Amino acid sequence: GEQIAEMILEHTETTNKEAKALAIEALRQVRMPSP
């Protein structure tokens, strides 16, 4: 999750909390169990 959030923080204007939520959503999007 930290690695996905880091990618989001690098390329978008988001806070750490928002980046974490987006990272979890990205894991959910790829059908990861218990994201």
PDB file of all heavy atoms in Angstrom:
ATOM      1  N   GLY A   1       0.804  -1.218   0.000  1.00  0.00           N
ATOM      2  CA  GLY A   1       0.000   0.000   0.000  1.00  0.00           C
ATOM      3  C   GLY A   1       0.836   1.265   0.000  1.00  0.00           C
ATOM      4  O   GLY A   1       0.503   2.239  -0.683  1.00  0.00           O
ATOM      5  N   GLU A   2       1.929   1.264   0.778  1.00  0.00           N
ATOM      6  CA  GLU A   2       2.805   2.440   0.829  1.00  0.00           C
ATOM      7  C   GLU A   2       3.396   2.739  -0.550  1.00  0.00           C
ATOM      8  O   GLU A   2       3.530   3.908  -0.938  1.00  0.00           O
ATOM      9  CB  GLU A   2       3.928   2.207   1.835  1.00  0.00           C
ATOM     10  CG  GLU A   2       3.486   2.261   3.291  1.00  0.00           C
ATOM     11  CD  GLU A   2       4.568   1.828   4.254  1.00  0.00           C
ATOM     12  OE1 GLU A   2       5.512   1.116   3.829  1.00  0.00           O
ATOM     13  OE2 GLU A   2       4.488   2.205   5.433  1.00  0.00           O
ATOM     14  N   GLN A   3       3.735   1.693  -1.292  1.00  0.00           N
ATOM     15  CA  GLN A   3       4.336   1.892  -2.612  1.00  0.00           C
ATOM     16  C   GLN A   3       3.333   2.443  -3.614  1.00  0.00           C
ATOM     17  O   GLN A   3       3.676   3.292  -4.439  1.00  0.00           O
ATOM     18  CB  GLN A   3       4.943   0.576  -3.109  1.00  0.00           C
ATOM     19  CG  GLN A   3       6.111   0.127  -2.244  1.00  0.00           C
ATOM     20  CD  GLN A   3       6.733  -1.179  -2.701  1.00  0.00           C
ATOM     21  OE1 GLN A   3       7.262  -1.279  -3.800  1.00  0.00           O
ATOM     22  NE2 GLN A   3       6.673  -2.192  -1.847  1.00  0.00           N
ATOM     23  N   ILE A   4       2.086   1.995  -3.508  1.00  0.00           N
ATOM     24  CA  ILE A   4       1.047   2.533  -4.387  1.00  0.00           C
ATOM     25  C   ILE A   4       0.737   3.974  -4.006  1.00  0.00           C
ATOM     26  O   ILE A   4       0.608   4.853  -4.870  1.00  0.00           O
ATOM     27  CB  ILE A   4      -0.222   1.663  -4.320  1.00  0.00           C
ATOM     28  CG1 ILE A   4       0.086   0.237  -4.790  1.00  0.00           C
ATOM     29  CG2 ILE A   4      -1.332   2.269  -5.182  1.00  0.00           C
ATOM     30  CD1 ILE A   4      -1.059  -0.728  -4.593  1.00  0.00           C
ATOM     31  N   ALA A   5       0.637   4.241  -2.703  1.00  0.00           N
ATOM     32  CA  ALA A   5       0.352   5.602  -2.236  1.00  0.00           C
ATOM     33  C   ALA A   5       1.462   6.569  -2.646  1.00  0.00           C
ATOM     34  O   ALA A   5       1.196   7.723  -2.996  1.00  0.00           O
ATOM     35  CB  ALA A   5       0.173   5.601  -0.716  1.00  0.00           C
ATOM     36  N   GLU A   6       2.716   6.101  -2.595  1.00  0.00           N
ATOM     37  CA  GLU A   6       3.840   6.955  -3.001  1.00  0.00           C
ATOM     38  C   GLU A   6       3.707   7.372  -4.463  1.00  0.00           C
ATOM     39  O   GLU A   6       3.977   8.526  -4.819  1.00  0.00           O
ATOM     40  CB  GLU A   6       5.157   6.200  -2.791  1.00  0.00           C
ATOM     41  CG  GLU A   6       6.382   7.027  -3.170  1.00  0.00           C
ATOM     42  CD  GLU A   6       7.666   6.234  -3.049  1.00  0.00           C
ATOM     43  OE1 GLU A   6       7.596   4.995  -2.946  1.00  0.00           O
ATOM     44  OE2 GLU A   6       8.745   6.844  -3.088  1.00  0.00           O
ATOM     45  N   MET A   7       3.275   6.426  -5.322  1.00  0.00           N
ATOM     46  CA  MET A   7       3.056   6.743  -6.731  1.00  0.00           C
ATOM     47  C   MET A   7       1.980   7.817  -6.884  1.00  0.00           C
ATOM     48  O   MET A   7       2.125   8.767  -7.662  1.00  0.00           O
ATOM     49  CB  MET A   7       2.647   5.465  -7.477  1.00  0.00           C
ATOM     50  CG  MET A   7       2.339   5.658  -8.950  1.00  0.00           C
ATOM     51  SD  MET A   7       3.814   5.921  -9.927  1.00  0.00           S
ATOM     52  CE  MET A   7       4.523   4.268  -9.862  1.00  0.00           C
ATOM     53  N   ILE A   8       0.917   7.689  -6.115  1.00  0.00           N
ATOM     54  CA  ILE A   8      -0.188   8.656  -6.190  1.00  0.00           C
ATOM     55  C   ILE A   8       0.269  10.039  -5.720  1.00  0.00           C
ATOM     56  O   ILE A   8      -0.033  11.062  -6.340  1.00  0.00           O
ATOM     57  CB  ILE A   8      -1.387   8.153  -5.364  1.00  0.00           C
ATOM     58  CG1 ILE A   8      -1.950   6.866  -5.985  1.00  0.00           C
ATOM     59  CG2 ILE A   8      -2.469   9.226  -5.269  1.00  0.00           C
ATOM     60  CD1 ILE A   8      -2.964   6.158  -5.116  1.00  0.00           C
ATOM     61  N   LEU A   9       1.023  10.072  -4.617  1.00  0.00           N
ATOM     62  CA  LEU A   9       1.521  11.347  -4.092  1.00  0.00           C
ATOM     63  C   LEU A   9       2.471  12.028  -5.069  1.00  0.00           C
ATOM     64  O   LEU A   9       2.505  13.264  -5.166  1.00  0.00           O
ATOM     65  CB  LEU A   9       2.225  11.121  -2.751  1.00  0.00           C
ATOM     66  CG  LEU A   9       1.324  10.775  -1.556  1.00  0.00           C
ATOM     67  CD1 LEU A   9       2.158  10.288  -0.382  1.00  0.00           C
ATOM     68  CD2 LEU A   9       0.481  11.985  -1.162  1.00  0.00           C
ATOM     69  N   GLU A  10       3.235  11.223  -5.795  1.00  0.00           N
ATOM     70  CA  GLU A  10       4.222  11.764  -6.739  1.00  0.00           C
ATOM     71  C   GLU A  10       3.554  12.450  -7.924  1.00  0.00           C
ATOM     72  O   GLU A  10       4.061  13.452  -8.441  1.00  0.00           O
ATOM     73  CB  GLU A  10       5.127  10.626  -7.238  1.00  0.00           C
ATOM     74  CG  GLU A  10       6.158  11.026  -8.282  1.00  0.00           C
ATOM     75  CD  GLU A  10       7.255  11.902  -7.718  1.00  0.00           C
ATOM     76  OE1 GLU A  10       7.492  11.864  -6.488  1.00  0.00           O
ATOM     77  OE2 GLU A  10       7.881  12.648  -8.502  1.00  0.00           O
ATOM     78  N   HIS A  11       2.400  11.912  -8.365  1.00  0.00           N
ATOM     79  CA  HIS A  11       1.812  12.389  -9.618  1.00  0.00           C
ATOM     80  C   HIS A  11       0.488  13.125  -9.463  1.00  0.00           C
ATOM     81  O   HIS A  11      -0.073  13.580 -10.455  1.00  0.00           O
ATOM     82  CB  HIS A  11       1.619  11.202 -10.569  1.00  0.00           C
ATOM     83  CG  HIS A  11       2.910  10.581 -11.021  1.00  0.00           C
ATOM     84  ND1 HIS A  11       3.715  11.148 -11.981  1.00  0.00           N
ATOM     85  CD2 HIS A  11       3.546   9.453 -10.607  1.00  0.00           C
ATOM     86  CE1 HIS A  11       4.786  10.394 -12.158  1.00  0.00           C
ATOM     87  NE2 HIS A  11       4.710   9.363 -11.341  1.00  0.00           N
ATOM     88  N   THR A  12      -0.012  13.232  -8.244  1.00  0.00           N
ATOM     89  CA  THR A  12      -1.261  13.976  -8.040  1.00  0.00           C
ATOM     90  C   THR A  12      -1.132  14.881  -6.817  1.00  0.00           C
ATOM     91  O   THR A  12      -0.244  14.692  -5.994  1.00  0.00           O
ATOM     92  CB  THR A  12      -2.459  13.014  -7.820  1.00  0.00           C
ATOM     93  OG1 THR A  12      -2.234  12.244  -6.626  1.00  0.00           O
ATOM     94  CG2 THR A  12      -2.626  12.069  -9.003  1.00  0.00           C
ATOM     95  N   GLU A  13      -2.017  15.836  -6.717  1.00  0.00           N
ATOM     96  CA  GLU A  13      -2.031  16.739  -5.567  1.00  0.00           C
ATOM     97  C   GLU A  13      -3.021  16.200  -4.537  1.00  0.00           C
ATOM     98  O   GLU A  13      -4.202  16.567  -4.529  1.00  0.00           O
ATOM     99  CB  GLU A  13      -2.400  18.148  -6.021  1.00  0.00           C
ATOM    100  CG  GLU A  13      -1.370  18.780  -6.949  1.00  0.00           C
ATOM    101  CD  GLU A  13      -1.737  20.191  -7.350  1.00  0.00           C
ATOM    102  OE1 GLU A  13      -2.804  20.679  -6.875  1.00  0.00           O
ATOM    103  OE2 GLU A  13      -0.987  20.811  -8.119  1.00  0.00           O
ATOM    104  N   THR A  14      -2.529  15.322  -3.682  1.00  0.00           N
ATOM    105  CA  THR A  14      -3.378  14.716  -2.666  1.00  0.00           C
ATOM    106  C   THR A  14      -2.654  14.703  -1.322  1.00  0.00           C
ATOM    107  O   THR A  14      -1.425  14.814  -1.259  1.00  0.00           O
ATOM    108  CB  THR A  14      -3.743  13.262  -3.028  1.00  0.00           C
ATOM    109  OG1 THR A  14      -2.527  12.521  -3.251  1.00  0.00           O
ATOM    110  CG2 THR A  14      -4.586  13.190  -4.279  1.00  0.00           C
ATOM    111  N   THR A  15      -3.420  14.547  -0.269  1.00  0.00           N
ATOM    112  CA  THR A  15      -2.831  14.399   1.063  1.00  0.00           C
ATOM    113  C   THR A  15      -2.486  12.933   1.295  1.00  0.00           C
ATOM    114  O   THR A  15      -2.900  12.049   0.530  1.00  0.00           O
ATOM    115  CB  THR A  15      -3.830  14.861   2.140  1.00  0.00           C
ATOM    116  OG1 THR A  15      -4.967  13.987   2.112  1.00  0.00           O
ATOM    117  CG2 THR A  15      -4.271  16.292   1.889  1.00  0.00           C
ATOM    118  N   ASN A  16      -1.737  12.657   2.359  1.00  0.00           N
ATOM    119  CA  ASN A  16      -1.383  11.279   2.686  1.00  0.00           C
ATOM    120  C   ASN A  16      -2.630  10.422   2.922  1.00  0.00           C
ATOM    121  O   ASN A  16      -2.691   9.266   2.502  1.00  0.00           O
ATOM    122  CB  ASN A  16      -0.483  11.238   3.929  1.00  0.00           C
ATOM    123  CG  ASN A  16       0.896  11.772   3.655  1.00  0.00           C
ATOM    124  OD1 ASN A  16       1.343  11.802   2.508  1.00  0.00           O
ATOM    125  ND2 ASN A  16       1.597  12.191   4.695  1.00  0.00           N
ATOM    126  N   LYS A  17      -3.618  11.002   3.607  1.00  0.00           N
ATOM    127  CA  LYS A  17      -4.850  10.270   3.887  1.00  0.00           C
ATOM    128  C   LYS A  17      -5.593   9.946   2.599  1.00  0.00           C
ATOM    129  O   LYS A  17      -6.098   8.824   2.412  1.00  0.00           O
ATOM    130  CB  LYS A  17      -5.731  11.098   4.829  1.00  0.00           C
ATOM    131  CG  LYS A  17      -6.996  10.379   5.255  1.00  0.00           C
ATOM    132  CD  LYS A  17      -7.799  11.238   6.236  1.00  0.00           C
ATOM    133  CE  LYS A  17      -9.072  10.503   6.671  1.00  0.00           C
ATOM    134  NZ  LYS A  17      -9.870  11.316   7.635  1.00  0.00           N
ATOM    135  N   GLU A  18      -5.669  10.924   1.711  1.00  0.00           N
ATOM    136  CA  GLU A  18      -6.346  10.708   0.423  1.00  0.00           C
ATOM    137  C   GLU A  18      -5.600   9.683  -0.418  1.00  0.00           C
ATOM    138  O   GLU A  18      -6.219   8.839  -1.083  1.00  0.00           O
ATOM    139  CB  GLU A  18      -6.458  12.036  -0.330  1.00  0.00           C
ATOM    140  CG  GLU A  18      -7.429  13.031   0.291  1.00  0.00           C
ATOM    141  CD  GLU A  18      -7.323  14.404  -0.323  1.00  0.00           C
ATOM    142  OE1 GLU A  18      -6.259  14.725  -0.913  1.00  0.00           O
ATOM    143  OE2 GLU A  18      -8.293  15.175  -0.211  1.00  0.00           O
ATOM    144  N   ALA A  19      -4.250   9.743  -0.388  1.00  0.00           N
ATOM    145  CA  ALA A  19      -3.441   8.792  -1.166  1.00  0.00           C
ATOM    146  C   ALA A  19      -3.665   7.364  -0.681  1.00  0.00           C
ATOM    147  O   ALA A  19      -3.752   6.427  -1.480  1.00  0.00           O
ATOM    148  CB  ALA A  19      -1.966   9.160  -1.085  1.00  0.00           C
ATOM    149  N   LYS A  20      -3.786   7.207   0.643  1.00  0.00           N
ATOM    150  CA  LYS A  20      -4.039   5.865   1.187  1.00  0.00           C
ATOM    151  C   LYS A  20      -5.399   5.347   0.733  1.00  0.00           C
ATOM    152  O   LYS A  20      -5.534   4.180   0.331  1.00  0.00           O
ATOM    153  CB  LYS A  20      -3.970   5.886   2.716  1.00  0.00           C
ATOM    154  CG  LYS A  20      -4.243   4.516   3.338  1.00  0.00           C
ATOM    155  CD  LYS A  20      -4.093   4.517   4.848  1.00  0.00           C
ATOM    156  CE  LYS A  20      -4.365   3.120   5.423  1.00  0.00           C
ATOM    157  NZ  LYS A  20      -4.177   3.072   6.888  1.00  0.00           N
ATOM    158  N   ALA A  21      -6.402   6.207   0.778  1.00  0.00           N
ATOM    159  CA  ALA A  21      -7.744   5.798   0.348  1.00  0.00           C
ATOM    160  C   ALA A  21      -7.749   5.423  -1.134  1.00  0.00           C
ATOM    161  O   ALA A  21      -8.381   4.434  -1.540  1.00  0.00           O
ATOM    162  CB  ALA A  21      -8.739   6.929   0.617  1.00  0.00           C
ATOM    163  N   LEU A  22      -7.023   6.200  -1.945  1.00  0.00           N
ATOM    164  CA  LEU A  22      -6.952   5.901  -3.377  1.00  0.00           C
ATOM    165  C   LEU A  22      -6.184   4.604  -3.638  1.00  0.00           C
ATOM    166  O   LEU A  22      -6.517   3.845  -4.553  1.00  0.00           O
ATOM    167  CB  LEU A  22      -6.294   7.069  -4.128  1.00  0.00           C
ATOM    168  CG  LEU A  22      -7.131   8.350  -4.223  1.00  0.00           C
ATOM    169  CD1 LEU A  22      -6.301   9.496  -4.769  1.00  0.00           C
ATOM    170  CD2 LEU A  22      -8.359   8.110  -5.113  1.00  0.00           C
ATOM    171  N   ALA A  23      -5.136   4.353  -2.835  1.00  0.00           N
ATOM    172  CA  ALA A  23      -4.366   3.115  -2.987  1.00  0.00           C
ATOM    173  C   ALA A  23      -5.232   1.901  -2.665  1.00  0.00           C
ATOM    174  O   ALA A  23      -5.185   0.882  -3.379  1.00  0.00           O
ATOM    175  CB  ALA A  23      -3.143   3.153  -2.078  1.00  0.00           C
ATOM    176  N   ILE A  24      -6.026   1.983  -1.615  1.00  0.00           N
ATOM    177  CA  ILE A  24      -6.928   0.884  -1.257  1.00  0.00           C
ATOM    178  C   ILE A  24      -7.967   0.679  -2.354  1.00  0.00           C
ATOM    179  O   ILE A  24      -8.294  -0.452  -2.724  1.00  0.00           O
ATOM    180  CB  ILE A  24      -7.603   1.162   0.099  1.00  0.00           C
ATOM    181  CG1 ILE A  24      -6.563   1.097   1.229  1.00  0.00           C
ATOM    182  CG2 ILE A  24      -8.736   0.167   0.357  1.00  0.00           C
ATOM    183  CD1 ILE A  24      -7.082   1.535   2.580  1.00  0.00           C
ATOM    184  N   GLU A  25      -8.443   1.784  -2.915  1.00  0.00           N
ATOM    185  CA  GLU A  25      -9.412   1.687  -4.004  1.00  0.00           C
ATOM    186  C   GLU A  25      -8.772   1.046  -5.243  1.00  0.00           C
ATOM    187  O   GLU A  25      -9.427   0.267  -5.955  1.00  0.00           O
ATOM    188  CB  GLU A  25      -9.955   3.073  -4.347  1.00  0.00           C
ATOM    189  CG  GLU A  25     -10.983   3.095  -5.465  1.00  0.00           C
ATOM    190  CD  GLU A  25     -12.175   2.191  -5.189  1.00  0.00           C
ATOM    191  OE1 GLU A  25     -12.582   2.045  -4.022  1.00  0.00           O
ATOM    192  OE2 GLU A  25     -12.700   1.604  -6.165  1.00  0.00           O
ATOM    193  N   ALA A  26      -7.491   1.353  -5.491  1.00  0.00           N
ATOM    194  CA  ALA A  26      -6.787   0.743  -6.622  1.00  0.00           C
ATOM    195  C   ALA A  26      -6.654  -0.768  -6.420  1.00  0.00           C
ATOM    196  O   ALA A  26      -6.818  -1.550  -7.358  1.00  0.00           O
ATOM    197  CB  ALA A  26      -5.404   1.374  -6.789  1.00  0.00           C
ATOM    198  N   LEU A  27      -6.360  -1.181  -5.200  1.00  0.00           N
ATOM    199  CA  LEU A  27      -6.288  -2.615  -4.892  1.00  0.00           C
ATOM    200  C   LEU A  27      -7.656  -3.272  -5.056  1.00  0.00           C
ATOM    201  O   LEU A  27      -7.754  -4.405  -5.543  1.00  0.00           O
ATOM    202  CB  LEU A  27      -5.769  -2.822  -3.466  1.00  0.00           C
ATOM    203  CG  LEU A  27      -4.290  -2.496  -3.236  1.00  0.00           C
ATOM    204  CD1 LEU A  27      -3.961  -2.531  -1.748  1.00  0.00           C
ATOM    205  CD2 LEU A  27      -3.387  -3.463  -4.001  1.00  0.00           C
ATOM    206  N   ARG A  28      -8.699  -2.562  -4.664  1.00  0.00           N
ATOM    207  CA  ARG A  28     -10.054  -3.101  -4.832  1.00  0.00           C
ATOM    208  C   ARG A  28     -10.390  -3.216  -6.320  1.00  0.00           C
ATOM    209  O   ARG A  28     -11.036  -4.179  -6.756  1.00  0.00           O
ATOM    210  CB  ARG A  28     -11.056  -2.209  -4.119  1.00  0.00           C
ATOM    211  CG  ARG A  28     -12.496  -2.728  -4.184  1.00  0.00           C
ATOM    212  CD  ARG A  28     -13.452  -1.867  -3.372  1.00  0.00           C
ATOM    213  NE  ARG A  28     -13.207  -2.007  -1.930  1.00  0.00           N
ATOM    214  CZ  ARG A  28     -12.687  -1.084  -1.160  1.00  0.00           C
ATOM    215  NH1 ARG A  28     -12.333   0.090  -1.680  1.00  0.00           N
ATOM    216  NH2 ARG A  28     -12.509  -1.279   0.134  1.00  0.00           N
ATOM    217  N   GLN A  29      -9.938  -2.257  -7.102  1.00  0.00           N
ATOM    218  CA  GLN A  29     -10.225  -2.242  -8.538  1.00  0.00           C
ATOM    219  C   GLN A  29      -9.630  -3.457  -9.246  1.00  0.00           C
ATOM    220  O   GLN A  29     -10.207  -3.968 -10.204  1.00  0.00           O
ATOM    221  CB  GLN A  29      -9.684  -0.953  -9.173  1.00  0.00           C
ATOM    222  CG  GLN A  29     -10.074  -0.782 -10.637  1.00  0.00           C
ATOM    223  CD  GLN A  29      -9.491   0.483 -11.230  1.00  0.00           C
ATOM    224  OE1 GLN A  29      -8.487   1.019 -10.744  1.00  0.00           O
ATOM    225  NE2 GLN A  29     -10.098   0.984 -12.285  1.00  0.00           N
ATOM    226  N   VAL A  30      -8.480  -3.923  -8.776  1.00  0.00           N
ATOM    227  CA  VAL A  30      -7.853  -5.095  -9.400  1.00  0.00           C
ATOM    228  C   VAL A  30      -8.288  -6.394  -8.732  1.00  0.00           C
ATOM    229  O   VAL A  30      -7.657  -7.437  -8.891  1.00  0.00           O
ATOM    230  CB  VAL A  30      -6.314  -4.976  -9.402  1.00  0.00           C
ATOM    231  CG1 VAL A  30      -5.861  -3.781 -10.201  1.00  0.00           C
ATOM    232  CG2 VAL A  30      -5.744  -4.933  -7.988  1.00  0.00           C
ATOM    233  N   ARG A  31      -9.394  -6.326  -7.977  1.00  0.00           N
ATOM    234  CA  ARG A  31      -9.999  -7.500  -7.339  1.00  0.00           C
ATOM    235  C   ARG A  31      -9.061  -8.160  -6.335  1.00  0.00           C
ATOM    236  O   ARG A  31      -9.026  -9.382  -6.199  1.00  0.00           O
ATOM    237  CB  ARG A  31     -10.414  -8.536  -8.371  1.00  0.00           C
ATOM    238  CG  ARG A  31     -11.674  -8.280  -9.200  1.00  0.00           C
ATOM    239  CD  ARG A  31     -11.773  -6.958  -9.800  1.00  0.00           C
ATOM    240  NE  ARG A  31     -12.867  -6.862 -10.785  1.00  0.00           N
ATOM    241  CZ  ARG A  31     -13.117  -5.758 -11.477  1.00  0.00           C
ATOM    242  NH1 ARG A  31     -12.380  -4.674 -11.288  1.00  0.00           N
ATOM    243  NH2 ARG A  31     -14.099  -5.724 -12.343  1.00  0.00           N
ATOM    244  N   MET A  32      -8.296  -7.354  -5.603  1.00  0.00           N
ATOM    245  CA  MET A  32      -7.441  -7.877  -4.537  1.00  0.00           C
ATOM    246  C   MET A  32      -8.319  -8.229  -3.336  1.00  0.00           C
ATOM    247  O   MET A  32      -9.070  -7.379  -2.848  1.00  0.00           O
ATOM    248  CB  MET A  32      -6.395  -6.838  -4.133  1.00  0.00           C
ATOM    249  CG  MET A  32      -5.481  -7.295  -2.999  1.00  0.00           C
ATOM    250  SD  MET A  32      -4.254  -8.501  -3.525  1.00  0.00           S
ATOM    251  CE  MET A  32      -2.985  -7.388  -4.181  1.00  0.00           C
ATOM    252  N   PRO A  33      -8.241  -9.453  -2.814  1.00  0.00           N
ATOM    253  CA  PRO A  33      -9.047  -9.817  -1.634  1.00  0.00           C
ATOM    254  C   PRO A  33      -8.647  -8.972  -0.416  1.00  0.00           C
ATOM    255  O   PRO A  33      -7.460  -8.727  -0.198  1.00  0.00           O
ATOM    256  CB  PRO A  33      -8.692 -11.296  -1.407  1.00  0.00           C
ATOM    257  CG  PRO A  33      -8.114 -11.774  -2.699  1.00  0.00           C
ATOM    258  CD  PRO A  33      -7.457 -10.583  -3.321  1.00  0.00           C
ATOM    259  N   SER A  34      -9.617  -8.507   0.341  1.00  0.00           N
ATOM    260  CA  SER A  34      -9.383  -7.713   1.551  1.00  0.00           C
ATOM    261  C   SER A  34      -8.368  -6.592   1.313  1.00  0.00           C
ATOM    262  O   SER A  34      -7.290  -6.565   1.900  1.00  0.00           O
ATOM    263  CB  SER A  34      -8.885  -8.618   2.691  1.00  0.00           C
ATOM    264  OG  SER A  34      -9.753  -9.697   2.911  1.00  0.00           O
ATOM    265  N   PRO A  35      -8.663  -5.632   0.443  1.00  0.00           N
ATOM    266  CA  PRO A  35      -7.679  -4.601   0.090  1.00  0.00           C
ATOM    267  C   PRO A  35      -7.179  -3.780   1.277  1.00  0.00           C
ATOM    268  O   PRO A  35      -6.008  -3.389   1.305  1.00  0.00           O
ATOM    269  CB  PRO A  35      -8.428  -3.725  -0.923  1.00  0.00           C
ATOM    270  CG  PRO A  35      -9.878  -4.022  -0.706  1.00  0.00           C
ATOM    271  CD  PRO A  35      -9.938  -5.441  -0.253  1.00  0.00           C
TER     272      PRO A  35
END
